[in-house]
Amino acid sequence: MTALVFGLVVHAIFAAAVMAMIVAMYFGMSMSLGQVPAPWSHLCNGLLLLQFPITHSLLLSQRGGRLLNRAIPVHGQTLSTTTYAIVASVQLLLLFALWTPSGVIWWRAEGVLLGVISAAYAASWLLLLKASFDAGAEVQSGALGWMSLLANRRPLYPDLPTGGLFRFIRQPIYVAFALTLWTVPIWTPDQFVIAVTYTLYCLLAPKLKERRFAARYGARFEAYRSSVPYALPRLSGTTRPPVAPDGRAGHDPAAAGPPPSSKPSPAET
C-alpha cells in the first residue's frame, strides 16, 4: 500500500508540474497564479527562481543523498528516487504556478510564425521526453523507488547512458530543456529572466554531474567523454564510437554494467 500511495503522489505531482511548465512558458510567464505586489514580487520571483537549481544540486550530492535516504522513516533508501522526484516536482510547480507576472509583453508571435514557433516548442518537449527515456525514465519520473518497493527488491539503477540521444551529446536532457526555454511564442521580461538563468544552469550543472560519473564509472566514462561532445553535436557526421579502456574502438561502455560498489544519485538529470 505504501508503494502505491507514493506512486500515485509522485506521478500526480510530476504531471502537474510538467503541465504548469508547458502552459506557463508557452505564454511567456505572462499567466500565473502569483499576485504579490511590487516590489515584493521581484523578491518572491527571485526566490522561486533560485530554489530549484540550488536544491536540485544539493540533493544530488552525497550529503543530499543521505538526507533523502532518511526523509522517509521506513524504506527511505528504496524510495529515495521517488522522494527526490516529489521534491523536484513540487519545486517546479511552485515556480511556474506561483510566479507573479510583470504584466509586460515584449513580443508575441502571430499568424504563420505562431504555428512555426509553437511546433518548435512542442518538438523541444518531445526531445526532452526522448532524452529522459534514453537516460532511464524510471529514475527521471520517480517510478524506480516505488516500483522497487512494490516488488520487494532493491532499486536497480540504469547504467551509464550512451545510447539514443546520448550517442550524439553527453547532456541531451539539459540541452532539450534549454530549447524549451527559447522556443516560446510570447516573450516577456519574466520569460527572459527564466530562460537566461536556467540556460546558465543547464550549461554549468552537468559539470558537477560529470564529476560524479567520472568517480563512479572511471575509465568507462572517460572513454565516453573523449568520444562524445558535451552539448553540441559534431557537424561532421556521426559521432565516433566510444573507446574502451583498453583502447579498442566500437566498445559500448554500457555493456559491462556499473561497478559493483556504485550507487547512483537519486536522479541524474
Protein backbone atom coordinates (compact mmCIF):
# COMPACT_ATOMS: atom_id res chain seq x y z
CA MET A 1 0.00 0.00 0.00
CA THR A 2 2.85 2.40 0.84
CA ALA A 3 4.40 1.86 -2.58
CA LEU A 4 1.14 2.54 -4.42
CA VAL A 5 0.48 5.69 -2.39
CA PHE A 6 3.94 7.05 -3.19
CA GLY A 7 3.47 6.10 -6.84
CA LEU A 8 0.17 7.96 -7.04
CA VAL A 9 1.58 11.03 -5.30
CA VAL A 10 4.80 11.29 -7.30
CA HIS A 11 3.19 10.86 -10.71
CA ALA A 12 0.29 13.21 -9.93
CA ILE A 13 2.65 15.97 -8.79
CA PHE A 14 5.08 15.24 -11.63
CA ALA A 15 2.30 15.56 -14.22
CA ALA A 16 1.01 18.77 -12.62
CA ALA A 17 4.50 20.29 -12.63
CA VAL A 18 5.13 19.42 -16.27
CA MET A 19 1.77 20.84 -17.35
CA ALA A 20 2.40 24.02 -15.35
CA MET A 21 5.78 24.43 -17.05
CA ILE A 22 4.41 23.82 -20.55
CA VAL A 23 1.49 26.23 -20.18
CA ALA A 24 3.31 28.96 -18.24
CA MET A 25 6.27 29.16 -20.63
CA TYR A 26 4.08 28.93 -23.74
CA PHE A 27 2.51 32.19 -22.62
CA GLY A 28 5.89 33.68 -21.72
CA MET A 29 5.20 33.53 -17.95
CA SER A 30 2.51 36.17 -18.50
CA MET A 31 -0.20 33.98 -16.96
CA SER A 32 0.22 32.61 -13.45
CA LEU A 33 -1.45 32.49 -10.03
CA GLY A 34 1.07 34.75 -8.28
CA GLN A 35 -0.30 38.13 -7.20
CA VAL A 36 2.42 39.56 -4.97
CA PRO A 37 2.57 43.37 -5.31
CA ALA A 38 5.76 45.10 -6.44
CA PRO A 39 8.48 45.45 -5.30
CA TRP A 40 7.99 42.33 -3.19
CA SER A 41 7.06 40.37 -6.31
CA HIS A 42 10.64 40.72 -7.55
CA LEU A 43 11.98 39.21 -4.34
CA CYS A 44 9.45 36.37 -4.37
CA ASN A 45 10.10 35.61 -8.03
CA GLY A 46 13.85 35.60 -7.38
CA LEU A 47 13.43 33.11 -4.55
CA LEU A 48 11.19 30.91 -6.68
CA LEU A 49 13.73 31.05 -9.48
CA LEU A 50 16.72 30.05 -7.36
CA GLN A 51 15.17 27.46 -5.06
CA PHE A 52 15.05 24.78 -7.75
CA PRO A 53 18.66 24.75 -9.03
CA ILE A 54 20.10 25.12 -5.53
CA THR A 55 18.05 22.31 -4.01
CA HIS A 56 18.38 20.17 -7.13
CA SER A 57 22.17 20.30 -6.96
CA LEU A 58 22.22 19.78 -3.19
CA LEU A 59 20.05 16.67 -3.32
CA LEU A 60 22.27 15.14 -6.00
CA SER A 61 25.31 15.43 -3.73
CA GLN A 62 26.38 12.72 -1.29
CA ARG A 63 25.03 14.74 1.63
CA GLY A 64 21.75 15.24 -0.20
CA GLY A 65 21.54 11.54 -0.94
CA ARG A 66 21.89 10.73 2.75
CA LEU A 67 19.19 13.27 3.53
CA LEU A 68 16.83 11.64 1.04
CA ASN A 69 17.54 8.21 2.50
CA ARG A 70 16.46 9.49 5.93
CA ALA A 71 13.50 11.53 4.70
CA ILE A 72 11.15 8.54 4.93
CA PRO A 73 11.50 6.67 8.25
CA VAL A 74 10.69 3.29 6.68
CA HIS A 75 12.04 2.23 3.26
CA GLY A 76 13.74 5.61 2.89
CA GLN A 77 16.66 4.31 0.82
CA THR A 78 14.43 2.33 -1.52
CA LEU A 79 12.13 5.31 -2.03
CA SER A 80 14.91 7.89 -2.42
CA THR A 81 14.36 8.36 -6.17
CA THR A 82 10.64 8.76 -5.61
CA THR A 83 11.20 11.21 -2.77
CA TYR A 84 13.60 13.18 -4.94
CA ALA A 85 11.10 13.36 -7.81
CA ILE A 86 8.37 14.55 -5.43
CA VAL A 87 10.58 17.34 -4.07
CA ALA A 88 11.73 18.44 -7.54
CA SER A 89 8.18 18.36 -8.92
CA VAL A 90 6.81 20.43 -6.03
CA GLN A 91 9.59 22.97 -6.58
CA LEU A 92 8.83 23.30 -10.29
CA LEU A 93 5.10 23.50 -9.61
CA LEU A 94 5.68 26.32 -7.13
CA LEU A 95 7.89 28.20 -9.59
CA PHE A 96 5.61 28.06 -12.60
CA ALA A 97 2.27 28.24 -10.79
CA LEU A 98 3.07 30.95 -8.25
CA TRP A 99 5.25 33.25 -10.35
CA THR A 100 3.95 36.83 -10.27
CA PRO A 101 3.87 38.16 -13.88
CA SER A 102 5.30 41.59 -14.60
CA GLY A 103 2.43 42.40 -16.95
CA VAL A 104 4.86 43.48 -19.69
CA ILE A 105 4.81 41.72 -23.06
CA TRP A 106 7.74 42.46 -25.36
CA TRP A 107 6.75 40.39 -28.37
CA ARG A 108 4.03 37.97 -29.45
CA ALA A 109 4.16 35.68 -32.49
CA GLU A 110 1.19 35.77 -34.84
CA GLY A 111 -0.06 34.02 -37.96
CA VAL A 112 2.23 31.51 -39.64
CA LEU A 113 5.11 32.41 -37.33
CA LEU A 114 2.98 31.44 -34.32
CA GLY A 115 2.46 27.99 -35.85
CA VAL A 116 6.15 27.54 -36.62
CA ILE A 117 7.32 28.58 -33.14
CA SER A 118 4.60 26.51 -31.46
CA ALA A 119 5.76 23.48 -33.45
CA ALA A 120 9.35 24.14 -32.37
CA TYR A 121 8.19 24.41 -28.75
CA ALA A 122 6.35 21.09 -28.99
CA ALA A 123 9.38 19.48 -30.66
CA SER A 124 11.61 20.69 -27.83
CA TRP A 125 9.39 19.00 -25.27
CA LEU A 126 9.32 15.79 -27.31
CA LEU A 127 13.11 15.91 -27.48
CA LEU A 128 13.22 16.30 -23.70
CA LEU A 129 10.90 13.30 -23.35
CA LYS A 130 13.10 11.21 -25.64
CA ALA A 131 16.25 12.20 -23.73
CA SER A 132 14.60 11.30 -20.43
CA PHE A 133 13.69 7.85 -21.70
CA ASP A 134 17.22 7.36 -23.02
CA ALA A 135 18.60 8.23 -19.57
CA GLY A 136 16.16 5.95 -17.75
CA ALA A 137 12.56 7.10 -17.46
CA GLU A 138 12.01 5.15 -14.27
CA VAL A 139 14.61 7.31 -12.49
CA GLN A 140 13.62 10.61 -14.10
CA SER A 141 9.93 10.17 -13.22
CA GLY A 142 10.48 8.78 -9.72
CA ALA A 143 8.97 5.40 -10.60
CA LEU A 144 12.07 3.38 -9.71
CA GLY A 145 11.66 3.81 -5.97
CA TRP A 146 8.01 2.90 -5.50
CA MET A 147 8.10 0.12 -8.09
CA SER A 148 11.11 -1.44 -6.36
CA LEU A 149 9.29 -1.28 -3.03
CA LEU A 150 6.21 -2.84 -4.59
CA ALA A 151 8.33 -5.68 -5.97
CA ASN A 152 10.14 -6.02 -2.62
CA ARG A 153 13.59 -5.63 -4.13
CA ARG A 154 16.45 -3.16 -4.09
CA PRO A 155 16.32 -0.47 -6.80
CA LEU A 156 18.16 -1.47 -9.96
CA TYR A 157 19.62 1.74 -11.34
CA PRO A 158 20.17 2.15 -15.08
CA ASP A 159 23.74 2.08 -16.31
CA LEU A 160 25.77 4.91 -17.80
CA PRO A 161 23.56 6.20 -20.66
CA THR A 162 25.32 6.06 -24.02
CA GLY A 163 22.53 5.15 -26.43
CA GLY A 164 19.84 7.18 -28.15
CA LEU A 165 20.50 10.90 -27.98
CA PHE A 166 23.46 10.21 -25.70
CA ARG A 167 25.31 8.92 -28.75
CA PHE A 168 25.46 12.48 -30.11
CA ILE A 169 25.92 14.64 -27.00
CA ARG A 170 26.56 13.87 -23.36
CA GLN A 171 23.88 16.20 -21.98
CA PRO A 172 20.74 15.85 -24.14
CA ILE A 173 18.35 16.38 -21.22
CA TYR A 174 19.86 19.73 -20.30
CA VAL A 175 20.07 20.80 -23.95
CA ALA A 176 16.46 19.82 -24.65
CA PHE A 177 15.26 21.68 -21.57
CA ALA A 178 17.22 24.76 -22.65
CA LEU A 179 15.49 24.58 -26.04
CA THR A 180 12.07 24.67 -24.35
CA LEU A 181 13.12 27.93 -22.70
CA TRP A 182 13.87 29.69 -26.00
CA THR A 183 11.18 28.38 -28.37
CA VAL A 184 8.20 30.16 -26.82
CA PRO A 185 5.83 32.32 -28.91
CA ILE A 186 5.45 35.10 -26.32
CA TRP A 187 8.38 37.00 -24.85
CA THR A 188 8.25 38.94 -21.61
CA PRO A 189 10.89 40.11 -19.10
CA ASP A 190 9.76 37.19 -16.94
CA GLN A 191 10.45 34.58 -19.64
CA PHE A 192 13.79 36.20 -20.46
CA VAL A 193 14.98 36.03 -16.85
CA ILE A 194 13.94 32.39 -16.54
CA ALA A 195 15.48 31.49 -19.90
CA VAL A 196 18.83 33.12 -19.14
CA THR A 197 19.05 31.78 -15.57
CA TYR A 198 18.14 28.20 -16.40
CA THR A 199 20.21 28.11 -19.58
CA LEU A 200 23.26 29.01 -17.49
CA TYR A 201 22.26 26.28 -15.07
CA CYS A 202 21.92 23.79 -17.96
CA LEU A 203 25.46 24.64 -19.07
CA LEU A 204 27.12 24.57 -15.64
CA ALA A 205 25.25 21.95 -13.60
CA PRO A 206 26.28 18.99 -15.80
CA LYS A 207 29.89 19.71 -14.88
CA LEU A 208 29.09 18.54 -11.35
CA LYS A 209 27.18 15.57 -12.71
CA GLU A 210 30.15 14.53 -14.83
CA ARG A 211 32.42 14.64 -11.79
CA ARG A 212 30.13 12.10 -10.14
CA PHE A 213 30.11 9.98 -13.29
CA ALA A 214 33.90 10.09 -13.55
CA ALA A 215 34.23 8.91 -9.95
CA ARG A 216 31.59 6.20 -10.41
CA TYR A 217 32.45 4.77 -13.83
CA GLY A 218 36.14 5.65 -14.08
CA ALA A 219 37.76 4.76 -17.41
CA ARG A 220 34.42 3.87 -18.97
CA PHE A 221 33.15 7.40 -18.57
CA GLU A 222 36.46 8.93 -19.62
CA ALA A 223 36.29 6.91 -22.84
CA TYR A 224 32.73 8.06 -23.42
CA ARG A 225 33.61 11.69 -22.64
CA SER A 226 36.52 11.65 -25.07
CA SER A 227 34.29 10.32 -27.85
CA VAL A 228 31.06 12.32 -27.44
CA PRO A 229 30.78 16.14 -27.31
CA TYR A 230 29.31 17.92 -24.31
CA ALA A 231 26.27 19.82 -25.62
CA LEU A 232 26.65 20.48 -29.35
CA PRO A 233 26.73 17.51 -31.75
CA ARG A 234 29.52 17.29 -34.26
CA LEU A 235 28.61 18.66 -37.68
CA SER A 236 30.94 16.29 -39.50
CA GLY A 237 28.52 13.38 -39.29
CA THR A 238 28.18 10.51 -36.87
CA THR A 239 29.86 10.56 -33.51
CA ARG A 240 32.99 8.47 -33.10
CA PRO A 241 32.23 5.13 -31.40
CA PRO A 242 33.18 5.04 -27.71
CA VAL A 243 36.63 3.73 -26.98
CA ALA A 244 37.09 1.02 -24.42
CA PRO A 245 39.59 1.46 -21.58
CA ASP A 246 41.89 -0.96 -23.43
CA GLY A 247 41.85 1.33 -26.48
CA ARG A 248 39.57 -0.72 -28.75
CA ALA A 249 37.06 1.31 -30.74
CA GLY A 250 33.44 0.26 -31.03
CA HIS A 251 33.08 -0.93 -27.45
CA ASP A 252 29.85 0.13 -25.79
CA PRO A 253 30.78 1.37 -22.30
CA ALA A 254 27.30 0.45 -21.08
CA ALA A 255 27.74 -3.20 -21.90
CA ALA A 256 29.83 -4.13 -18.87
CA GLY A 257 27.36 -2.77 -16.30
CA PRO A 258 28.07 -0.42 -13.41
CA PRO A 259 30.82 -1.02 -10.88
CA PRO A 260 29.54 -3.36 -8.12
CA SER A 261 30.09 -0.73 -5.41
CA SER A 262 28.48 2.17 -7.24
CA LYS A 263 25.19 3.64 -6.16
CA PRO A 264 23.85 6.41 -8.38
CA SER A 265 22.34 9.57 -7.02
CA PRO A 266 18.51 9.70 -6.79
CA ALA A 267 18.31 11.25 -10.25
CA GLU A 268 20.97 12.18 -12.76
CA THR A 269 19.31 14.76 -14.93
